[in-house]
């Protein structure tokens, strides 16, 4: 491997309506590194607005035209064209007109306490999208940016994964590049309070954020380093008190929950692998067994600015105003640039993932490696102890889950 080989990175892009312009800025900065030959984006995943960003990026990078630098430059161009076109052709919105006035008057894009936002919140509880005219804005602003037939015929790299919530079966559906269409992206962004469920292949879909915002699992098979462009803050110092603050925090927690579960799962697997690697130093059979693991340790990174994003509020996710989108873009660029100059970025690997392979049909030291691995995992993961009889006070103090 050349010393100057580009770092390999998978990128997961959260959804968040207009806040997706923050991700546009972050991707724009990452793509500069791709242009300079310092970085290779090998896979992308996304949901809703994050899915639009991921698809635009994957479409340009996966093209057969030009070299890697020119493809990265094209990705930056079509991302910019999409977001500025979104602002130019967006239908009249009380949110957007209110936000423009509010920002000029008070210097803030948070319009959660304005009459327009409060009235919209009440209407969402009373009226279904079935009573609203459905405006196909996505076809107008995204349909001419991507040739979906070409997208589906591209090679694998960069891999692409788009999440949508399957409300027919109550599960998450993830669409790979060869299955991504304009209808797929509409399904991934079908917010139930605003749009009728997307319908295709005899299935109904809502916004993918409910079950994968963004999906992480597919990315770990393509890179050991995964960067999450995060729009919903994890933490807030103060509890929500007003109705709009409560709605906003419910939205943040709900749309972060699936990602947190996947992060926890990845960390748990990392811990198991680390434990087995330490044990294998004195166990040659276990060292062979480790080669059978179908996963590798994964490093997770976050590209975000929670302090800034916490100031925006829930209603601003529907504010399609050019000045606001450009501000978000600039904040996203700064967040990505900060990460690119961090110690954690310097640890991003330029090495291809080792390809998991099936073992040869032979024994190692008299024990088949798979048996060794199974034995070690049983030692590592223990179930709960037997629950003792319930005391009058309802004490279950004897129930524990222990890890060796």
Protein backbone atom coordinates (compact mmCIF):
# COMPACT_ATOMS: atom_id res chain seq x y z
CA UNK A 1 0.00 0.00 0.00
CA UNK A 2 1.38 3.43 -0.96
CA UNK A 3 2.18 5.83 1.85
CA UNK A 4 0.06 8.40 0.01
CA UNK A 5 -2.98 6.13 -0.43
CA UNK A 6 -6.22 7.95 0.41
CA UNK A 7 -7.98 7.22 3.68
CA UNK A 8 -11.07 5.02 3.28
CA UNK A 9 -14.27 6.29 4.90
CA UNK A 10 -17.93 5.31 5.01
CA UNK A 11 -20.35 8.17 5.67
CA UNK A 12 -23.78 7.95 7.32
CA UNK A 13 -26.00 11.01 6.79
CA UNK A 14 -28.85 11.78 9.18
CA UNK A 15 -32.15 13.19 7.98
CA UNK A 16 -33.65 16.37 9.37
CA UNK A 17 -35.55 18.33 6.73
CA UNK A 18 -33.99 21.69 5.94
CA UNK A 19 -31.27 20.97 8.51
CA UNK A 20 -29.93 18.59 5.86
CA UNK A 21 -28.16 21.65 4.43
CA UNK A 22 -25.74 21.20 7.35
CA UNK A 23 -24.90 17.78 5.89
CA UNK A 24 -24.50 19.37 2.47
CA UNK A 25 -21.81 21.58 3.98
CA UNK A 26 -20.11 18.68 5.76
CA UNK A 27 -20.07 16.57 2.59
CA UNK A 28 -18.83 19.54 0.60
CA UNK A 29 -15.77 19.76 2.87
CA UNK A 30 -15.16 15.99 2.79
CA UNK A 31 -15.38 16.04 -1.00
CA UNK A 32 -12.61 18.63 -1.10
CA UNK A 33 -10.39 15.99 0.50
CA UNK A 34 -11.53 13.50 -2.14
CA UNK A 35 -10.65 16.05 -4.84
CA UNK A 36 -7.16 16.38 -3.37
CA UNK A 37 -6.66 12.60 -3.37
CA UNK A 38 -6.50 12.40 0.44
CA UNK A 39 -9.81 10.61 1.04
CA UNK A 40 -11.99 7.97 -0.60
CA UNK A 41 -15.67 7.70 0.31
CA UNK A 42 -16.35 3.99 -0.18
CA UNK A 43 -19.97 3.85 1.06
CA UNK A 44 -22.82 6.15 2.04
CA UNK A 45 -26.11 5.67 3.84
CA UNK A 46 -28.88 8.12 4.50
CA UNK A 47 -32.47 8.78 5.43
CA UNK A 48 -34.88 11.46 4.23
CA UNK A 49 -32.85 14.63 3.46
CA UNK A 50 -29.76 12.61 4.40
CA UNK A 51 -30.79 10.11 1.76
CA UNK A 52 -30.97 12.88 -0.86
CA UNK A 53 -27.48 14.05 0.07
CA UNK A 54 -26.07 10.52 0.08
CA UNK A 55 -27.66 9.67 -3.27
CA UNK A 56 -26.45 12.84 -4.99
CA UNK A 57 -22.96 12.23 -3.66
CA UNK A 58 -22.91 8.53 -4.63
CA UNK A 59 -24.30 9.30 -8.10
CA UNK A 60 -21.50 11.73 -8.94
CA UNK A 61 -18.69 9.72 -7.33
CA UNK A 62 -19.85 6.50 -9.00
CA UNK A 63 -19.84 7.97 -12.48
CA UNK A 64 -17.46 6.58 -15.07
CA UNK A 65 -16.76 10.07 -16.44
CA UNK A 66 -13.46 11.71 -15.56
CA UNK A 67 -11.07 10.91 -12.75
CA UNK A 68 -11.75 10.80 -9.02
CA UNK A 69 -11.03 14.51 -8.56
CA UNK A 70 -13.42 15.61 -11.30
CA UNK A 71 -16.14 13.30 -9.96
CA UNK A 72 -15.75 14.81 -6.49
CA UNK A 73 -16.00 18.28 -8.00
CA UNK A 74 -19.19 17.23 -9.79
CA UNK A 75 -20.62 15.86 -6.53
CA UNK A 76 -20.02 19.23 -4.87
CA UNK A 77 -21.72 20.98 -7.78
CA UNK A 78 -24.90 18.91 -7.84
CA UNK A 79 -25.26 19.06 -4.04
CA UNK A 80 -25.12 22.86 -4.26
CA UNK A 81 -27.52 22.95 -7.22
CA UNK A 82 -30.01 20.75 -5.38
CA UNK A 83 -30.10 22.79 -2.17
CA UNK A 84 -30.26 26.18 -3.88
CA UNK A 85 -32.93 24.91 -6.28
CA UNK A 86 -34.85 23.66 -3.25
CA UNK A 87 -34.91 27.22 -1.91
CA UNK A 88 -35.78 28.76 -5.29
CA UNK A 89 -38.76 26.54 -6.16
CA UNK A 90 -40.13 25.82 -2.68
CA UNK A 91 -43.85 26.66 -2.50
CA UNK A 92 -45.00 29.52 -0.29
CA UNK A 93 -44.75 28.52 3.34
CA UNK A 94 -45.90 30.38 6.44
CA UNK A 95 -42.88 28.82 8.14
CA UNK A 96 -40.41 30.28 5.66
CA UNK A 97 -41.94 33.76 5.50
CA UNK A 98 -42.18 33.85 9.31
CA UNK A 99 -38.60 32.65 9.68
CA UNK A 100 -37.29 35.35 7.33
CA UNK A 101 -39.01 38.09 9.35
CA UNK A 102 -38.08 36.50 12.69
CA UNK A 103 -34.42 36.23 11.75
CA UNK A 104 -34.25 39.85 10.56
CA UNK A 105 -35.96 41.03 13.75
CA UNK A 106 -34.43 38.79 16.42
CA UNK A 107 -31.39 37.24 14.74
CA UNK A 108 -32.65 33.66 15.25
CA UNK A 109 -34.03 30.93 13.00
CA UNK A 110 -35.87 29.25 15.89
CA UNK A 111 -39.54 30.04 15.22
CA UNK A 112 -41.06 27.46 17.58
CA UNK A 113 -42.85 30.15 19.61
CA UNK A 114 -44.34 32.01 16.65
CA UNK A 115 -48.10 31.90 15.85
CA UNK A 116 -47.36 30.19 12.50
CA UNK A 117 -45.50 27.31 14.16
CA UNK A 118 -48.05 26.94 16.97
CA UNK A 119 -50.97 26.91 14.53
CA UNK A 120 -49.25 24.33 12.33
CA UNK A 121 -48.64 22.14 15.37
CA UNK A 122 -52.34 22.25 16.27
CA UNK A 123 -53.37 21.55 12.66
CA UNK A 124 -51.13 18.48 12.58
CA UNK A 125 -53.17 17.03 15.45
CA UNK A 126 -56.49 17.76 13.75
CA UNK A 127 -55.96 17.22 10.05
CA UNK A 128 -54.52 14.37 8.04
CA UNK A 129 -52.36 14.95 4.95
CA UNK A 130 -55.30 13.45 3.06
CA UNK A 131 -56.90 16.92 3.37
CA UNK A 132 -53.88 18.73 1.90
CA UNK A 133 -52.87 19.14 -1.73
CA UNK A 134 -49.82 16.93 -2.28
CA UNK A 135 -47.05 18.88 -4.02
CA UNK A 136 -44.43 16.72 -5.76
CA UNK A 137 -41.54 19.03 -4.91
CA UNK A 138 -38.93 16.26 -4.89
CA UNK A 139 -39.46 15.41 -8.55
CA UNK A 140 -39.02 19.09 -9.40
CA UNK A 141 -35.81 19.74 -7.48
CA UNK A 142 -34.14 16.30 -7.51
CA UNK A 143 -35.54 14.53 -10.54
CA UNK A 144 -33.39 16.46 -13.03
CA UNK A 145 -30.20 16.09 -10.96
CA UNK A 146 -29.98 12.29 -11.11
CA UNK A 147 -30.44 9.83 -13.95
CA UNK A 148 -31.74 6.96 -11.83
CA UNK A 149 -31.26 4.40 -14.61
CA UNK A 150 -27.56 5.31 -14.72
CA UNK A 151 -27.35 5.27 -10.92
CA UNK A 152 -28.69 1.73 -10.70
CA UNK A 153 -26.25 0.52 -13.40
CA UNK A 154 -23.17 2.00 -11.74
CA UNK A 155 -20.51 -0.11 -10.08
CA UNK A 156 -20.61 -0.79 -6.39
CA UNK A 157 -18.26 1.94 -5.15
CA UNK A 158 -19.39 4.01 -3.48
CA UNK A 159 -21.98 1.70 -2.05
CA UNK A 160 -25.33 3.35 -1.26
CA UNK A 161 -28.02 2.48 1.29
CA UNK A 162 -31.31 4.34 1.78
CA UNK A 163 -33.63 3.60 4.72
CA UNK A 164 -37.43 3.83 4.75
CA UNK A 165 -39.95 2.74 7.37
CA UNK A 166 -42.15 -0.05 6.04
CA UNK A 167 -45.48 0.61 7.80
CA UNK A 168 -47.14 -2.36 6.10
CA UNK A 169 -44.84 -4.86 7.83
CA UNK A 170 -43.67 -2.62 10.69
CA UNK A 171 -39.96 -2.89 9.85
CA UNK A 172 -37.05 -1.04 8.29
CA UNK A 173 -36.36 -1.49 4.57
CA UNK A 174 -32.92 -0.57 3.27
CA UNK A 175 -32.53 -0.01 -0.47
CA UNK A 176 -29.16 -0.58 -2.12
CA UNK A 177 -27.92 1.46 -5.05
CA UNK A 178 -29.39 -0.88 -7.64
CA UNK A 179 -32.86 -0.38 -6.12
CA UNK A 180 -32.80 3.39 -5.50
CA UNK A 181 -35.34 5.39 -7.49
CA UNK A 182 -37.10 8.71 -7.07
CA UNK A 183 -39.97 6.77 -5.44
CA UNK A 184 -37.53 5.18 -2.99
CA UNK A 185 -36.29 8.62 -1.92
CA UNK A 186 -39.85 9.88 -1.57
CA UNK A 187 -40.57 6.92 0.70
CA UNK A 188 -37.51 7.70 2.82
CA UNK A 189 -38.76 11.29 3.31
CA UNK A 190 -42.49 10.66 3.73
CA UNK A 191 -43.13 12.55 6.99
CA UNK A 192 -46.55 11.28 8.14
CA UNK A 193 -47.81 14.68 9.33
CA UNK A 194 -47.13 16.23 5.91
CA UNK A 195 -47.35 13.54 3.25
CA UNK A 196 -49.52 10.56 2.46
CA UNK A 197 -47.60 7.29 2.83
CA UNK A 198 -45.45 6.51 -0.18
CA UNK A 199 -46.76 3.43 -1.99
CA UNK A 200 -44.96 1.04 -4.30
CA UNK A 201 -44.47 -2.71 -4.60
CA UNK A 202 -47.71 -3.22 -2.60
CA UNK A 203 -46.05 -1.62 0.42
CA UNK A 204 -46.63 1.66 2.26
CA UNK A 205 -43.76 3.71 3.64
CA UNK A 206 -43.12 6.54 6.07
CA UNK A 207 -39.96 8.51 6.71
CA UNK A 208 -36.99 6.23 7.35
CA UNK A 209 -35.99 8.20 10.43
CA UNK A 210 -38.28 6.14 12.65
CA UNK A 211 -36.16 3.01 12.20
CA UNK A 212 -32.84 4.03 10.70
CA UNK A 213 -31.58 7.59 10.93
CA UNK A 214 -29.20 6.79 9.37
CA UNK A 215 -28.60 3.03 8.94
CA UNK A 216 -25.12 2.05 10.11
CA UNK A 217 -25.00 -1.71 9.82
CA UNK A 218 -24.50 -1.91 6.02
CA UNK A 219 -21.51 0.42 6.20
CA UNK A 220 -19.39 -1.71 8.52
CA UNK A 221 -18.86 -4.26 5.74
CA UNK A 222 -17.08 -1.66 3.59
CA UNK A 223 -14.81 0.31 5.94
CA UNK A 224 -13.33 0.16 9.40
CA UNK A 225 -14.03 3.89 9.81
CA UNK A 226 -17.56 5.32 9.72
CA UNK A 227 -18.36 9.03 10.08
CA UNK A 228 -21.89 10.02 11.10
CA UNK A 229 -23.06 13.46 10.00
CA UNK A 230 -25.42 14.12 12.88
CA UNK A 231 -28.25 16.67 12.87
CA UNK A 232 -30.27 15.75 15.97
CA UNK A 233 -28.49 16.65 19.23
CA UNK A 234 -27.95 13.84 21.71
CA UNK A 235 -28.03 16.05 24.78
CA UNK A 236 -29.75 19.14 26.15
CA UNK A 237 -28.92 20.78 29.46
CA UNK A 238 -32.48 21.80 30.32
CA UNK A 239 -35.70 19.75 30.25
CA UNK A 240 -38.36 20.76 27.70
CA UNK A 241 -41.22 22.68 29.30
CA UNK A 242 -43.37 24.21 26.56
CA UNK A 243 -45.46 22.11 24.18
CA UNK A 244 -43.18 22.95 21.24
CA UNK A 245 -40.04 22.17 23.26
CA UNK A 246 -41.56 18.82 24.16
CA UNK A 247 -42.42 18.12 20.49
CA UNK A 248 -38.88 19.04 19.48
CA UNK A 249 -37.25 16.80 22.09
CA UNK A 250 -39.57 13.90 21.22
CA UNK A 251 -38.52 14.29 17.59
CA UNK A 252 -34.81 14.34 18.48
CA UNK A 253 -34.97 11.34 20.81
CA UNK A 254 -37.19 9.31 18.45
CA UNK A 255 -35.08 9.99 15.39
CA UNK A 256 -31.84 9.25 17.27
CA UNK A 257 -33.03 6.06 18.96
CA UNK A 258 -32.35 3.57 16.15
CA UNK A 259 -28.90 5.05 15.55
CA UNK A 260 -28.06 4.81 19.27
CA UNK A 261 -29.09 1.15 19.29
CA UNK A 262 -26.85 0.44 16.29
CA UNK A 263 -23.96 2.35 17.89
CA UNK A 264 -24.39 0.30 21.07
CA UNK A 265 -24.39 -2.92 19.04
CA UNK A 266 -21.21 -1.93 17.19
CA UNK A 267 -19.48 -1.01 20.46
CA UNK A 268 -20.55 -4.34 21.99
CA UNK A 269 -19.10 -6.28 19.05
CA UNK A 270 -15.92 -4.20 19.24
CA UNK A 271 -15.58 -5.16 22.91
CA UNK A 272 -16.05 -8.86 22.15
CA UNK A 273 -13.44 -8.72 19.37
CA UNK A 274 -11.00 -6.89 21.65
CA UNK A 275 -11.52 -9.51 24.36
CA UNK A 276 -10.96 -12.39 21.93
CA UNK A 277 -7.87 -10.73 20.46
CA UNK A 278 -6.37 -10.42 23.94
CA UNK A 279 -7.14 -14.08 24.67
CA UNK A 280 -5.73 -15.22 21.32
CA UNK A 281 -2.25 -13.98 22.23
CA UNK A 282 -1.79 -17.22 24.20
CA UNK A 283 -4.12 -19.46 22.20
CA UNK A 284 -3.13 -20.32 18.62
CA UNK A 285 -6.41 -22.11 17.96
CA UNK A 286 -8.37 -19.04 18.99
CA UNK A 287 -6.18 -16.89 16.76
CA UNK A 288 -7.25 -19.07 13.82
CA UNK A 289 -10.86 -18.94 14.97
CA UNK A 290 -10.80 -15.14 14.97
CA UNK A 291 -10.28 -15.24 11.21
CA UNK A 292 -13.80 -16.64 10.92
CA UNK A 293 -15.48 -13.57 12.38
CA UNK A 294 -17.65 -11.97 9.65
CA UNK A 295 -17.09 -8.49 11.10
CA UNK A 296 -14.15 -6.25 11.90
CA UNK A 297 -13.63 -3.67 14.66
CA UNK A 298 -15.25 -0.40 13.60
CA UNK A 299 -14.25 3.15 14.53
CA UNK A 300 -17.19 5.56 14.74
CA UNK A 301 -16.88 9.34 14.41
CA UNK A 302 -19.41 12.16 14.69
CA UNK A 303 -19.40 15.26 12.50
CA UNK A 304 -21.74 17.71 14.17
CA UNK A 305 -22.11 20.97 16.06
CA UNK A 306 -24.61 20.29 18.81
CA UNK A 307 -24.27 23.76 20.33
CA UNK A 308 -25.41 25.33 17.05
CA UNK A 309 -28.05 22.74 16.17
CA UNK A 310 -29.64 23.02 19.63
CA UNK A 311 -30.51 26.66 18.86
CA UNK A 312 -32.67 25.89 15.84
CA UNK A 313 -35.84 24.22 17.13
CA UNK A 314 -38.28 21.83 15.50
CA UNK A 315 -40.15 24.15 13.13
CA UNK A 316 -36.96 25.32 11.40
CA UNK A 317 -36.68 21.87 9.79
CA UNK A 318 -39.43 23.10 7.45
CA UNK A 319 -37.80 26.48 6.73
CA UNK A 320 -36.65 26.50 3.09
CA UNK A 321 -34.99 29.91 2.89
CA UNK A 322 -31.78 30.40 0.93
CA UNK A 323 -30.07 32.47 3.65
CA UNK A 324 -30.85 29.79 6.25
CA UNK A 325 -29.65 26.94 4.02
CA UNK A 326 -26.41 28.76 3.27
CA UNK A 327 -25.83 29.35 6.99
CA UNK A 328 -26.39 25.66 7.69
CA UNK A 329 -24.02 24.77 4.85
CA UNK A 330 -21.29 26.96 6.34
CA UNK A 331 -21.77 25.44 9.81
CA UNK A 332 -21.56 21.95 8.31
CA UNK A 333 -18.34 22.81 6.48
CA UNK A 334 -16.80 24.13 9.69
CA UNK A 335 -17.81 21.00 11.62
CA UNK A 336 -16.27 18.71 8.97
CA UNK A 337 -13.13 20.83 8.78
CA UNK A 338 -12.75 20.64 12.56
CA UNK A 339 -12.98 16.85 12.39
CA UNK A 340 -10.53 16.66 9.48
CA UNK A 341 -7.97 18.47 11.62
CA UNK A 342 -8.61 16.34 14.71
CA UNK A 343 -6.53 13.55 16.16
CA UNK A 344 -9.33 11.06 15.44
CA UNK A 345 -9.19 11.76 11.69
CA UNK A 346 -5.48 11.05 11.64
CA UNK A 347 -6.30 7.52 12.79
CA UNK A 348 -8.60 6.81 9.81
CA UNK A 349 -7.19 3.87 7.87
CA UNK A 350 -6.21 3.72 4.21
CA UNK A 351 -6.25 -0.10 4.27
CA UNK A 352 -8.83 -2.26 2.52
CA UNK A 353 -11.07 -4.32 4.78
CA UNK A 354 -9.91 -7.90 5.18
CA UNK A 355 -12.43 -10.07 3.37
CA UNK A 356 -14.05 -12.58 5.75
CA UNK A 357 -13.64 -16.09 4.38
CA UNK A 358 -14.96 -19.52 5.26
CA UNK A 359 -12.45 -21.75 7.03
CA UNK A 360 -10.70 -24.64 5.37
CA UNK A 361 -12.09 -28.00 6.45
CA UNK A 362 -9.25 -28.82 8.79
CA UNK A 363 -8.55 -28.94 12.50
CA UNK A 364 -6.16 -26.68 14.38
CA UNK A 365 -4.46 -28.33 17.35
CA UNK A 366 -7.19 -30.96 17.33
CA UNK A 367 -10.01 -28.42 17.65
CA UNK A 368 -11.92 -26.88 14.76
CA UNK A 369 -11.54 -23.06 14.98
CA UNK A 370 -15.28 -22.51 14.98
CA UNK A 371 -15.63 -24.61 18.12
CA UNK A 372 -12.89 -22.61 19.80
CA UNK A 373 -14.61 -19.35 18.97
CA UNK A 374 -17.96 -20.64 20.18
CA UNK A 375 -16.39 -21.78 23.45
CA UNK A 376 -14.75 -18.40 24.05
CA UNK A 377 -17.96 -16.51 23.30
CA UNK A 378 -19.85 -18.64 25.80
CA UNK A 379 -17.24 -17.72 28.40
CA UNK A 380 -17.61 -14.05 27.56
CA UNK A 381 -21.40 -13.71 27.38
CA UNK A 382 -23.33 -15.06 30.36
CA UNK A 383 -27.06 -15.03 30.82
CA UNK A 384 -28.86 -13.86 33.98
CA UNK A 385 -28.51 -15.92 37.11
CA UNK A 386 -31.52 -17.81 38.33
CA UNK A 387 -34.01 -15.36 39.81
CA UNK A 388 -34.45 -16.04 43.52
CA UNK A 389 -37.89 -16.23 45.11
CA UNK A 390 -39.58 -12.87 45.33
CA UNK A 391 -39.31 -11.23 48.76
CA UNK A 392 -42.22 -9.35 50.31
CA UNK A 393 -40.53 -6.10 49.34
CA UNK A 394 -40.22 -7.22 45.71
CA UNK A 395 -36.41 -7.46 45.86
CA UNK A 396 -34.72 -9.18 42.93
CA UNK A 397 -31.22 -8.40 44.15
CA UNK A 398 -29.89 -11.80 43.07
CA UNK A 399 -30.58 -11.14 39.37
CA UNK A 400 -27.46 -9.95 37.56
CA UNK A 401 -25.94 -10.11 34.12
CA UNK A 402 -22.21 -10.68 34.42
CA UNK A 403 -19.46 -10.44 31.85
CA UNK A 404 -16.16 -12.12 32.55
